[in-house]
């Protein structure tokens, strides 16, 4: 086993990886920017190495600084977490050249999966269903208009090199095609450095269903069942659950087989996710995520598999520690991404100092977090505060447990999307499992959020005052005891 691993990430995912390393007896190295010098993950690691100013490009995305940290600390392997360098093929190639193990798939696999156009071609050749669309990049507006007419409106224009919902544009009629094409191309050029875009048919009422996979270098590939990720805002996931409410035994067998085939056809090794869109009884390949997913905890909860430990073991050359027949679904899990953002103002980020922080607990509750009272949410990074996950024997009990956990969650000092999550949990359509990627708009969720937000602020202020009183009482008792002991000296 490795003796030392550098975690090239920050926040809750850095702590998640370090916890697995600690249980395996592996030392960890954190890298941190100026903005994160007081962060919890920095204190949790065995070593910490400064890599630059707050801006990501000069710190967490600065390969020279990251490799300087790797070599100076003697780390044998790098775990990238998610985001930042996790799907950067150049970084993986440099790790290989420097004799450093990258805990993830190969450079070749990441490059192949990173091009959405090439991935579509590969999956189509393998017999995996893909959404009707273009086989090559769109040349210009006229080409885009011609393709859209051929496929039939509505269509969606995407960046070939993109991800995370960035730069996608839905086009419902011909008059929108020019602006959508130019906008998507511009975003693709500025964000991903590649202006290639393609067009797909925009599915009506689709569900986002994905399969977690594990693959090792000994030709073993398995899936760890499905996750439903349909509750999204601007194509970014907010609530995930496992398994999917839409799943049947027969559908799981078919989609699981397609997920394994997709992994094998691109020579996938390590942990990854095959994403599909599901609509009206049919499913279509969407993309491959060549990293550990944000929402991996819910798969861990229902299967009992520690995905990070499996990643590390596979990267060390080991085999997956279980077979497909060993994977069973136990109960139901739901995850809410708790973000520091204002759900009443277009979900804009809400950076600032957390004055009071009280996370939920009790049976079946898991909180993956990297914050504490007094911690400052930086404007330089993603607004994720924590991932709140719950488990219960069935879906309705899981929803009830999530409601209770959200009620207990107190964050004072920054605005959060907790009221949004409460509104979704209370929604009848959600409770019935009637989900699509348009759920937020279709059910006017944001109209319910305002009242819940005001109620939540009142509760937070009340509890904050109570905590303040308790702290003063504790301080007074401590001072009195100290004075008494000093008198006896």
Protein backbone atom coordinates (compact mmCIF):
# COMPACT_ATOMS: atom_id res chain seq x y z
CA UNK A 1 0.00 0.00 0.00
CA UNK A 2 1.08 3.60 -0.54
CA UNK A 3 2.78 5.25 2.41
CA UNK A 4 1.84 8.83 1.49
CA UNK A 5 -0.88 10.35 -0.73
CA UNK A 6 -1.25 14.00 -1.71
CA UNK A 7 -4.84 15.18 -1.99
CA UNK A 8 -4.99 17.79 -4.75
CA UNK A 9 -8.26 19.34 -3.64
CA UNK A 10 -9.92 21.26 -0.83
CA UNK A 11 -12.99 21.32 1.40
CA UNK A 12 -15.21 18.37 2.22
CA UNK A 13 -13.87 16.08 -0.51
CA UNK A 14 -10.30 16.54 0.73
CA UNK A 15 -11.40 15.47 4.21
CA UNK A 16 -13.37 12.54 2.77
CA UNK A 17 -10.28 11.21 1.00
CA UNK A 18 -8.07 11.80 4.03
CA UNK A 19 -10.44 9.83 6.25
CA UNK A 20 -10.12 6.81 3.97
CA UNK A 21 -6.34 7.20 3.96
CA UNK A 22 -6.22 7.40 7.75
CA UNK A 23 -8.21 4.16 8.05
CA UNK A 24 -5.78 2.52 5.61
CA UNK A 25 -2.76 3.77 7.58
CA UNK A 26 -1.65 6.07 4.75
CA UNK A 27 -0.19 9.51 5.52
CA UNK A 28 -1.79 12.48 3.76
CA UNK A 29 -0.58 15.78 2.33
CA UNK A 30 -2.94 18.71 1.89
CA UNK A 31 -2.30 21.53 -0.55
CA UNK A 32 -3.87 24.87 0.24
CA UNK A 33 -4.22 28.41 -1.04
CA UNK A 34 -3.95 31.62 0.96
CA UNK A 35 -7.76 31.66 1.31
CA UNK A 36 -7.75 28.17 2.85
CA UNK A 37 -4.91 28.50 5.36
CA UNK A 38 -7.34 28.06 8.28
CA UNK A 39 -9.52 25.43 6.62
CA UNK A 40 -10.40 22.20 8.39
CA UNK A 41 -8.86 19.96 5.73
CA UNK A 42 -5.50 21.67 6.21
CA UNK A 43 -5.58 20.89 9.92
CA UNK A 44 -6.77 17.31 9.33
CA UNK A 45 -3.89 16.31 7.04
CA UNK A 46 -0.59 14.94 8.32
CA UNK A 47 1.23 17.59 6.28
CA UNK A 48 0.11 20.75 4.51
CA UNK A 49 1.82 22.54 1.63
CA UNK A 50 1.08 26.10 0.49
CA UNK A 51 0.48 26.32 -3.27
CA UNK A 52 -0.45 29.93 -3.98
CA UNK A 53 -2.92 32.82 -3.76
CA UNK A 54 -6.71 32.38 -3.57
CA UNK A 55 -7.33 32.32 -7.32
CA UNK A 56 -7.67 28.69 -8.47
CA UNK A 57 -5.55 29.23 -11.56
CA UNK A 58 -2.63 30.22 -9.35
CA UNK A 59 -3.09 27.52 -6.71
CA UNK A 60 -5.28 24.42 -7.09
CA UNK A 61 -4.97 24.47 -10.90
CA UNK A 62 -1.28 25.41 -10.89
CA UNK A 63 0.38 22.16 -11.94
CA UNK A 64 3.91 23.38 -11.28
CA UNK A 65 3.05 24.23 -7.68
CA UNK A 66 1.16 20.97 -7.17
CA UNK A 67 4.07 18.91 -8.49
CA UNK A 68 6.50 20.90 -6.37
CA UNK A 69 4.41 19.83 -3.35
CA UNK A 70 4.34 16.21 -4.52
CA UNK A 71 8.10 15.96 -4.89
CA UNK A 72 9.05 17.92 -1.78
CA UNK A 73 6.74 15.89 0.47
CA UNK A 74 7.61 12.53 -1.06
CA UNK A 75 4.03 11.60 -1.92
CA UNK A 76 3.79 8.47 -4.06
CA UNK A 77 0.27 9.07 -5.34
CA UNK A 78 -2.23 11.87 -5.94
CA UNK A 79 -5.95 11.75 -5.30
CA UNK A 80 -7.63 14.58 -7.27
CA UNK A 81 -11.08 14.52 -5.64
CA UNK A 82 -13.57 16.13 -8.02
CA UNK A 83 -13.25 19.38 -9.97
CA UNK A 84 -9.93 21.22 -10.35
CA UNK A 85 -7.42 18.78 -11.93
CA UNK A 86 -9.49 15.62 -11.53
CA UNK A 87 -10.31 15.31 -15.25
CA UNK A 88 -7.25 17.07 -16.65
CA UNK A 89 -5.52 14.63 -19.00
CA UNK A 90 -2.33 16.73 -19.09
CA UNK A 91 -2.04 16.47 -15.31
CA UNK A 92 -2.48 12.70 -15.46
CA UNK A 93 0.15 12.45 -18.18
CA UNK A 94 2.60 14.47 -16.14
CA UNK A 95 1.97 12.24 -13.11
CA UNK A 96 2.84 9.24 -15.25
CA UNK A 97 6.01 10.89 -16.58
CA UNK A 98 7.12 11.78 -13.05
CA UNK A 99 6.48 8.29 -11.68
CA UNK A 100 3.55 9.45 -9.54
CA UNK A 101 0.42 7.30 -9.35
CA UNK A 102 -2.76 9.13 -10.31
CA UNK A 103 -5.72 7.71 -8.40
CA UNK A 104 -8.14 7.64 -11.29
CA UNK A 105 -8.35 6.51 -14.92
CA UNK A 106 -5.60 6.81 -17.53
CA UNK A 107 -4.70 9.87 -19.57
CA UNK A 108 -6.03 8.13 -22.71
CA UNK A 109 -9.37 7.32 -21.09
CA UNK A 110 -9.85 10.85 -19.81
CA UNK A 111 -9.08 12.33 -23.22
CA UNK A 112 -11.47 9.95 -24.96
CA UNK A 113 -14.30 10.54 -22.50
CA UNK A 114 -13.61 14.28 -22.32
CA UNK A 115 -14.63 14.84 -25.92
CA UNK A 116 -18.40 14.48 -25.89
CA UNK A 117 -18.45 14.00 -29.66
CA UNK A 118 -15.87 11.19 -29.60
CA UNK A 119 -17.59 9.57 -26.62
CA UNK A 120 -20.90 9.57 -28.53
CA UNK A 121 -19.25 7.87 -31.50
CA UNK A 122 -17.59 5.26 -29.31
CA UNK A 123 -20.80 4.38 -27.48
CA UNK A 124 -22.80 4.24 -30.69
CA UNK A 125 -20.31 1.77 -32.21
CA UNK A 126 -20.58 -0.34 -29.04
CA UNK A 127 -24.36 -0.55 -29.44
CA UNK A 128 -25.18 1.70 -26.50
CA UNK A 129 -28.18 3.99 -27.16
CA UNK A 130 -27.28 7.65 -27.71
CA UNK A 131 -29.49 10.71 -28.08
CA UNK A 132 -30.09 11.64 -31.74
CA UNK A 133 -27.60 14.34 -32.68
CA UNK A 134 -24.51 15.31 -34.65
CA UNK A 135 -21.52 13.04 -35.19
CA UNK A 136 -19.15 15.98 -35.77
CA UNK A 137 -18.75 19.52 -34.48
CA UNK A 138 -21.07 22.22 -35.82
CA UNK A 139 -19.25 24.49 -38.29
CA UNK A 140 -21.40 27.62 -38.24
CA UNK A 141 -24.89 29.01 -37.64
CA UNK A 142 -26.19 27.76 -40.99
CA UNK A 143 -24.96 24.25 -40.20
CA UNK A 144 -26.57 24.45 -36.76
CA UNK A 145 -29.90 25.54 -38.26
CA UNK A 146 -29.81 22.72 -40.82
CA UNK A 147 -29.07 20.07 -38.18
CA UNK A 148 -31.77 21.39 -35.85
CA UNK A 149 -34.35 21.22 -38.65
CA UNK A 150 -33.30 17.65 -39.45
CA UNK A 151 -33.44 16.45 -35.82
CA UNK A 152 -36.53 18.47 -34.97
CA UNK A 153 -36.98 21.13 -32.30
CA UNK A 154 -36.39 21.43 -29.41
CA UNK A 155 -32.64 20.79 -29.49
CA UNK A 156 -29.78 21.48 -27.11
CA UNK A 157 -26.38 22.90 -28.08
CA UNK A 158 -23.44 21.67 -25.98
CA UNK A 159 -19.70 22.18 -25.75
CA UNK A 160 -17.78 19.09 -26.82
CA UNK A 161 -15.17 19.65 -24.10
CA UNK A 162 -17.61 20.88 -21.47
CA UNK A 163 -19.24 19.56 -18.36
CA UNK A 164 -21.09 20.57 -15.22
CA UNK A 165 -23.92 22.08 -17.23
CA UNK A 166 -21.73 25.01 -18.31
CA UNK A 167 -22.61 26.72 -21.57
CA UNK A 168 -25.53 24.53 -22.63
CA UNK A 169 -28.37 26.20 -24.50
CA UNK A 170 -31.83 24.82 -25.23
CA UNK A 171 -33.30 25.97 -28.55
CA UNK A 172 -37.06 25.67 -28.94
CA UNK A 173 -37.54 27.37 -32.32
CA UNK A 174 -35.49 28.51 -35.35
CA UNK A 175 -35.38 32.16 -34.28
CA UNK A 176 -33.27 31.20 -31.24
CA UNK A 177 -30.60 29.17 -33.02
CA UNK A 178 -28.15 31.95 -33.94
CA UNK A 179 -27.91 33.48 -30.46
CA UNK A 180 -27.72 30.05 -28.80
CA UNK A 181 -24.97 28.81 -31.12
CA UNK A 182 -22.82 31.92 -30.68
CA UNK A 183 -23.33 31.97 -26.91
CA UNK A 184 -22.42 28.29 -26.47
CA UNK A 185 -19.39 28.61 -28.72
CA UNK A 186 -18.19 31.70 -26.85
CA UNK A 187 -18.51 30.00 -23.45
CA UNK A 188 -16.81 26.86 -24.76
CA UNK A 189 -13.90 28.93 -26.06
CA UNK A 190 -13.42 30.96 -22.88
CA UNK A 191 -14.03 28.23 -20.28
CA UNK A 192 -12.72 25.07 -21.94
CA UNK A 193 -10.31 26.44 -24.54
CA UNK A 194 -12.16 24.54 -27.28
CA UNK A 195 -15.01 26.17 -29.21
CA UNK A 196 -16.28 22.91 -30.73
CA UNK A 197 -20.00 22.47 -30.11
CA UNK A 198 -22.54 19.83 -31.11
CA UNK A 199 -26.32 19.47 -31.17
CA UNK A 200 -28.59 16.83 -29.65
CA UNK A 201 -32.33 16.32 -29.57
CA UNK A 202 -33.70 17.88 -26.38
CA UNK A 203 -35.70 15.18 -24.64
CA UNK A 204 -39.07 16.03 -23.15
CA UNK A 205 -39.46 15.24 -19.44
CA UNK A 206 -36.17 13.33 -19.09
CA UNK A 207 -34.81 11.85 -15.89
CA UNK A 208 -31.09 11.90 -15.11
CA UNK A 209 -30.06 8.40 -14.00
CA UNK A 210 -26.45 7.34 -13.55
CA UNK A 211 -24.57 4.17 -12.68
CA UNK A 212 -21.54 4.03 -10.41
CA UNK A 213 -18.83 1.75 -11.77
CA UNK A 214 -15.62 0.26 -10.44
CA UNK A 215 -13.00 -1.27 -12.72
CA UNK A 216 -9.52 -2.60 -11.99
CA UNK A 217 -6.46 -3.44 -14.08
CA UNK A 218 -7.27 -7.17 -13.85
CA UNK A 219 -10.23 -6.89 -16.25
CA UNK A 220 -12.86 -6.78 -13.52
CA UNK A 221 -15.68 -4.25 -13.98
CA UNK A 222 -18.83 -3.97 -11.88
CA UNK A 223 -21.60 -1.44 -11.30
CA UNK A 224 -22.88 -0.40 -7.89
CA UNK A 225 -26.44 0.26 -9.03
CA UNK A 226 -28.13 3.50 -9.89
CA UNK A 227 -28.59 7.05 -8.67
CA UNK A 228 -31.31 9.52 -9.61
CA UNK A 229 -29.99 13.06 -10.12
CA UNK A 230 -32.94 14.78 -11.81
CA UNK A 231 -33.36 17.67 -9.35
CA UNK A 232 -31.08 20.21 -11.04
CA UNK A 233 -30.60 23.94 -11.31
CA UNK A 234 -28.96 25.18 -14.52
CA UNK A 235 -27.98 21.57 -15.34
CA UNK A 236 -26.20 21.19 -11.99
CA UNK A 237 -27.38 18.59 -9.50
CA UNK A 238 -28.83 19.67 -6.16
CA UNK A 239 -30.54 16.54 -4.82
CA UNK A 240 -29.60 12.94 -5.53
CA UNK A 241 -31.02 9.65 -4.36
CA UNK A 242 -30.23 5.97 -4.64
CA UNK A 243 -31.78 3.93 -6.02
CA UNK A 244 -33.87 5.73 -8.65
CA UNK A 245 -37.65 5.72 -8.04
CA UNK A 246 -38.09 4.94 -11.75
CA UNK A 247 -35.99 1.79 -11.63
CA UNK A 248 -37.27 -1.74 -12.13
CA UNK A 249 -35.26 -4.95 -11.85
CA UNK A 250 -35.35 -5.43 -15.62
CA UNK A 251 -34.38 -1.82 -16.39
CA UNK A 252 -31.52 -1.95 -13.87
CA UNK A 253 -30.17 -5.07 -15.54
CA UNK A 254 -30.25 -3.45 -18.98
CA UNK A 255 -28.83 -0.08 -17.93
CA UNK A 256 -26.24 -1.71 -15.67
CA UNK A 257 -25.06 -3.90 -18.54
CA UNK A 258 -24.78 -0.82 -20.78
CA UNK A 259 -22.80 0.99 -18.07
CA UNK A 260 -20.33 -1.88 -17.79
CA UNK A 261 -20.02 -2.10 -21.58
CA UNK A 262 -19.41 1.66 -21.75
CA UNK A 263 -16.61 1.36 -19.19
CA UNK A 264 -14.99 -1.58 -20.94
CA UNK A 265 -15.09 -0.04 -24.40
CA UNK A 266 -12.95 2.91 -23.21
CA UNK A 267 -10.62 0.69 -21.11
CA UNK A 268 -11.81 2.31 -17.91
CA UNK A 269 -9.88 1.63 -14.70
CA UNK A 270 -10.82 2.99 -11.24
CA UNK A 271 -14.05 4.65 -10.06
CA UNK A 272 -16.31 6.41 -12.54
CA UNK A 273 -19.88 7.16 -13.47
CA UNK A 274 -21.84 6.46 -16.63
CA UNK A 275 -24.65 8.99 -16.99
CA UNK A 276 -27.88 8.39 -18.90
CA UNK A 277 -31.03 10.30 -19.73
CA UNK A 278 -34.21 8.26 -19.32
CA UNK A 279 -37.43 9.26 -21.08
CA UNK A 280 -40.67 7.42 -21.81
CA UNK A 281 -39.22 3.94 -21.28
CA UNK A 282 -35.98 4.49 -23.21
CA UNK A 283 -32.52 5.42 -21.96
CA UNK A 284 -29.67 7.17 -23.74
CA UNK A 285 -25.96 7.58 -22.99
CA UNK A 286 -25.16 11.09 -21.78
CA UNK A 287 -21.51 11.14 -20.69
CA UNK A 288 -18.77 9.50 -18.64
CA UNK A 289 -17.56 11.21 -15.48
CA UNK A 290 -13.95 10.11 -15.07
CA UNK A 291 -13.69 10.86 -11.36
CA UNK A 292 -15.29 10.34 -7.99
CA UNK A 293 -18.73 11.93 -8.08
CA UNK A 294 -19.87 14.56 -5.58
CA UNK A 295 -22.84 12.32 -4.81
CA UNK A 296 -20.84 9.14 -4.14
CA UNK A 297 -21.93 8.95 -0.44
CA UNK A 298 -25.44 7.73 -1.27
CA UNK A 299 -24.01 4.78 -3.21
CA UNK A 300 -21.72 4.00 -0.29
CA UNK A 301 -24.69 4.14 2.07
CA UNK A 302 -26.92 1.67 0.20
CA UNK A 303 -24.16 -0.77 -0.83
CA UNK A 304 -21.78 -0.59 2.13
CA UNK A 305 -18.82 -0.09 -0.22
CA UNK A 306 -16.16 2.53 0.60
CA UNK A 307 -15.54 3.93 -2.87
CA UNK A 308 -12.47 5.95 -1.90
CA UNK A 309 -10.75 2.92 -0.37
CA UNK A 310 -11.58 0.97 -3.52
CA UNK A 311 -10.06 3.76 -5.63
CA UNK A 312 -6.84 3.68 -3.65
CA UNK A 313 -6.63 -0.12 -3.73
CA UNK A 314 -7.23 -0.22 -7.49
CA UNK A 315 -4.61 2.48 -8.11
CA UNK A 316 -2.13 0.44 -6.07
CA UNK A 317 -2.70 -2.46 -8.46
CA UNK A 318 -5.21 -4.44 -6.45
CA UNK A 319 -8.42 -6.07 -7.56
CA UNK A 320 -11.91 -4.83 -6.71
CA UNK A 321 -12.74 -6.32 -3.33
CA UNK A 322 -16.14 -7.67 -4.42
CA UNK A 323 -17.94 -9.16 -7.42
CA UNK A 324 -21.16 -8.06 -9.09
CA UNK A 325 -23.10 -10.76 -7.26
CA UNK A 326 -22.01 -9.22 -3.95
CA UNK A 327 -23.66 -5.86 -4.69
CA UNK A 328 -27.07 -5.50 -3.08
CA UNK A 329 -29.26 -2.47 -2.41
CA UNK A 330 -29.99 -1.94 1.26
CA UNK A 331 -32.70 0.64 1.86
CA UNK A 332 -32.83 4.14 0.41
CA UNK A 333 -30.48 7.14 0.56
CA UNK A 334 -31.01 10.81 -0.31
CA UNK A 335 -28.38 13.54 -0.53
CA UNK A 336 -28.95 17.31 -0.43
CA UNK A 337 -26.11 19.59 -1.48
CA UNK A 338 -26.05 22.40 1.07
CA UNK A 339 -24.72 25.46 -0.73
CA UNK A 340 -23.96 28.97 0.49
CA UNK A 341 -26.22 30.68 -2.00
CA UNK A 342 -29.44 32.65 -2.04
CA UNK A 343 -32.33 30.60 -3.48
CA UNK A 344 -34.49 33.75 -3.61
CA UNK A 345 -31.99 35.60 -5.78
CA UNK A 346 -31.16 33.30 -8.68
CA UNK A 347 -29.09 31.09 -6.34
CA UNK A 348 -26.21 33.57 -6.39
CA UNK A 349 -23.31 32.62 -4.09
CA UNK A 350 -23.41 33.95 -0.52
CA UNK A 351 -19.81 34.08 0.71
CA UNK A 352 -19.06 35.27 4.21
CA UNK A 353 -18.27 34.19 7.75
CA UNK A 354 -20.29 31.45 9.43
CA UNK A 355 -21.23 32.79 12.88
CA UNK A 356 -23.07 29.73 14.13
CA UNK A 357 -22.93 26.18 12.84
CA UNK A 358 -24.84 23.17 14.11
CA UNK A 359 -25.04 20.09 11.88
CA UNK A 360 -27.79 17.47 12.21
CA UNK A 361 -27.25 14.03 13.69
CA UNK A 362 -29.12 11.01 14.92
CA UNK A 363 -29.88 7.68 13.25
CA UNK A 364 -29.21 7.41 9.53
CA UNK A 365 -27.67 10.86 9.04
CA UNK A 366 -24.29 11.55 7.39
CA UNK A 367 -22.76 15.00 6.93
CA UNK A 368 -19.71 15.46 4.68
CA UNK A 369 -18.47 18.95 5.49
CA UNK A 370 -15.36 21.05 5.81
CA UNK A 371 -16.72 24.08 7.68
CA UNK A 372 -17.14 25.21 11.28
CA UNK A 373 -18.35 28.21 13.29
CA UNK A 374 -15.97 31.05 12.47
CA UNK A 375 -15.07 29.64 9.05
CA UNK A 376 -15.26 32.01 6.08
CA UNK A 377 -16.91 30.81 2.86
CA UNK A 378 -14.60 32.11 0.15
CA UNK A 379 -15.89 33.82 -3.01
CA UNK A 380 -13.09 32.15 -4.98
CA UNK A 381 -14.47 28.61 -5.00
CA UNK A 382 -17.60 26.52 -5.33
CA UNK A 383 -20.33 27.45 -2.85
CA UNK A 384 -20.74 23.91 -1.47
CA UNK A 385 -20.88 23.93 2.34
CA UNK A 386 -21.66 20.27 2.91
CA UNK A 387 -23.40 17.19 1.62
CA UNK A 388 -26.25 16.06 3.84
CA UNK A 389 -27.15 12.41 3.31
CA UNK A 390 -29.71 10.21 5.02
CA UNK A 391 -30.55 6.51 4.98
CA UNK A 392 -33.80 4.72 5.79
CA UNK A 393 -35.35 1.35 4.96
CA UNK A 394 -37.56 2.88 2.23
CA UNK A 395 -38.00 6.10 0.27
CA UNK A 396 -40.79 7.71 2.29
CA UNK A 397 -38.91 7.13 5.53
CA UNK A 398 -35.79 8.58 3.91
CA UNK A 399 -37.75 11.71 2.93
CA UNK A 400 -39.07 12.04 6.48
CA UNK A 401 -35.57 11.64 7.86
CA UNK A 402 -34.22 14.28 5.47
CA UNK A 403 -36.97 16.69 6.58
CA UNK A 404 -35.91 16.16 10.18
CA UNK A 405 -32.22 16.60 9.36
CA UNK A 406 -32.89 19.81 7.42
CA UNK A 407 -34.91 21.13 10.37
CA UNK A 408 -31.94 20.50 12.67
CA UNK A 409 -29.35 22.07 10.34
CA UNK A 410 -28.39 25.54 11.59
CA UNK A 411 -26.07 27.81 9.61
CA UNK A 412 -25.99 31.47 10.63
CA UNK A 413 -23.96 34.15 8.87
CA UNK A 414 -24.45 33.19 5.23
CA UNK A 415 -27.55 32.42 3.20
CA UNK A 416 -28.00 28.78 2.21
CA UNK A 417 -30.28 26.72 0.00
CA UNK A 418 -31.69 24.76 2.96
CA UNK A 419 -35.17 26.33 2.40
CA UNK A 420 -35.06 25.06 -1.18
CA UNK A 421 -34.37 21.52 -0.02
CA UNK A 422 -37.21 21.74 2.50
CA UNK A 423 -39.59 22.85 -0.26
CA UNK A 424 -38.62 19.91 -2.46
CA UNK A 425 -39.02 17.39 0.37
CA UNK A 426 -42.52 18.77 1.05
CA UNK A 427 -43.55 18.62 -2.61
CA UNK A 428 -46.15 15.96 -3.43
CA UNK A 429 -44.71 15.21 -6.88
CA UNK A 430 -41.27 14.63 -5.37
CA UNK A 431 -42.76 12.38 -2.72
CA UNK A 432 -44.46 10.40 -5.49
CA UNK A 433 -41.17 10.04 -7.38
CA UNK A 434 -42.45 12.08 -10.34
CA UNK A 435 -39.10 13.58 -11.29
CA UNK A 436 -37.63 15.23 -14.38
CA UNK A 437 -34.68 17.53 -14.97
CA UNK A 438 -37.23 20.37 -15.28
CA UNK A 439 -38.68 19.65 -11.84
CA UNK A 440 -37.85 23.03 -10.26
CA UNK A 441 -39.61 25.03 -12.97
CA UNK A 442 -42.46 22.60 -13.55
CA UNK A 443 -43.52 22.64 -9.90
CA UNK A 444 -42.84 26.30 -9.08
CA UNK A 445 -40.59 25.23 -6.21
CA UNK A 446 -39.11 28.68 -5.75
CA UNK A 447 -42.53 30.10 -4.82
CA UNK A 448 -42.55 27.81 -1.79
CA UNK A 449 -39.01 28.72 -0.81
CA UNK A 450 -39.65 32.32 0.28
CA UNK A 451 -41.87 31.42 3.24
CA UNK A 452 -39.57 28.61 4.30
CA UNK A 453 -36.57 30.94 4.03
CA UNK A 454 -38.15 33.49 6.38
CA UNK A 455 -39.21 30.76 8.82
CA UNK A 456 -35.71 29.32 8.70
CA UNK A 457 -34.07 32.67 9.41
CA UNK A 458 -36.30 33.17 12.44
CA UNK A 459 -35.46 29.70 13.73
CA UNK A 460 -31.75 30.22 13.09
CA UNK A 461 -31.77 33.55 14.92
CA UNK A 462 -33.64 31.97 17.83
CA UNK A 463 -31.26 29.04 18.08
CA UNK A 464 -28.24 31.29 17.63
CA UNK A 465 -29.43 33.37 20.56
CA UNK A 466 -29.91 30.21 22.61
CA UNK A 467 -26.44 29.00 21.72
CA UNK A 468 -25.03 32.40 22.59
CA UNK A 469 -26.76 32.21 25.99
CA UNK A 470 -25.46 28.68 26.53
CA UNK A 471 -21.95 29.78 25.63
CA UNK A 472 -22.15 32.64 28.12
CA UNK A 473 -23.40 30.28 30.82
CA UNK A 474 -20.60 27.83 30.12
CA UNK A 475 -18.06 30.67 30.18
CA UNK A 476 -19.46 31.93 33.49
CA UNK A 477 -19.32 28.47 35.08
CA UNK A 478 -15.79 27.93 33.77
CA UNK A 479 -14.67 31.28 35.16
CA UNK A 480 -16.25 30.54 38.55
CA UNK A 481 -14.57 27.13 38.77
CA UNK A 482 -11.28 28.66 37.73
CA UNK A 483 -11.55 31.36 40.40
CA UNK A 484 -12.40 28.75 43.06
CA UNK A 485 -9.42 26.59 42.11
CA UNK A 486 -7.11 29.61 42.12
CA UNK A 487 -8.25 30.47 45.66
CA UNK A 488 -7.30 26.96 46.83
CA UNK A 489 -3.76 27.20 45.50
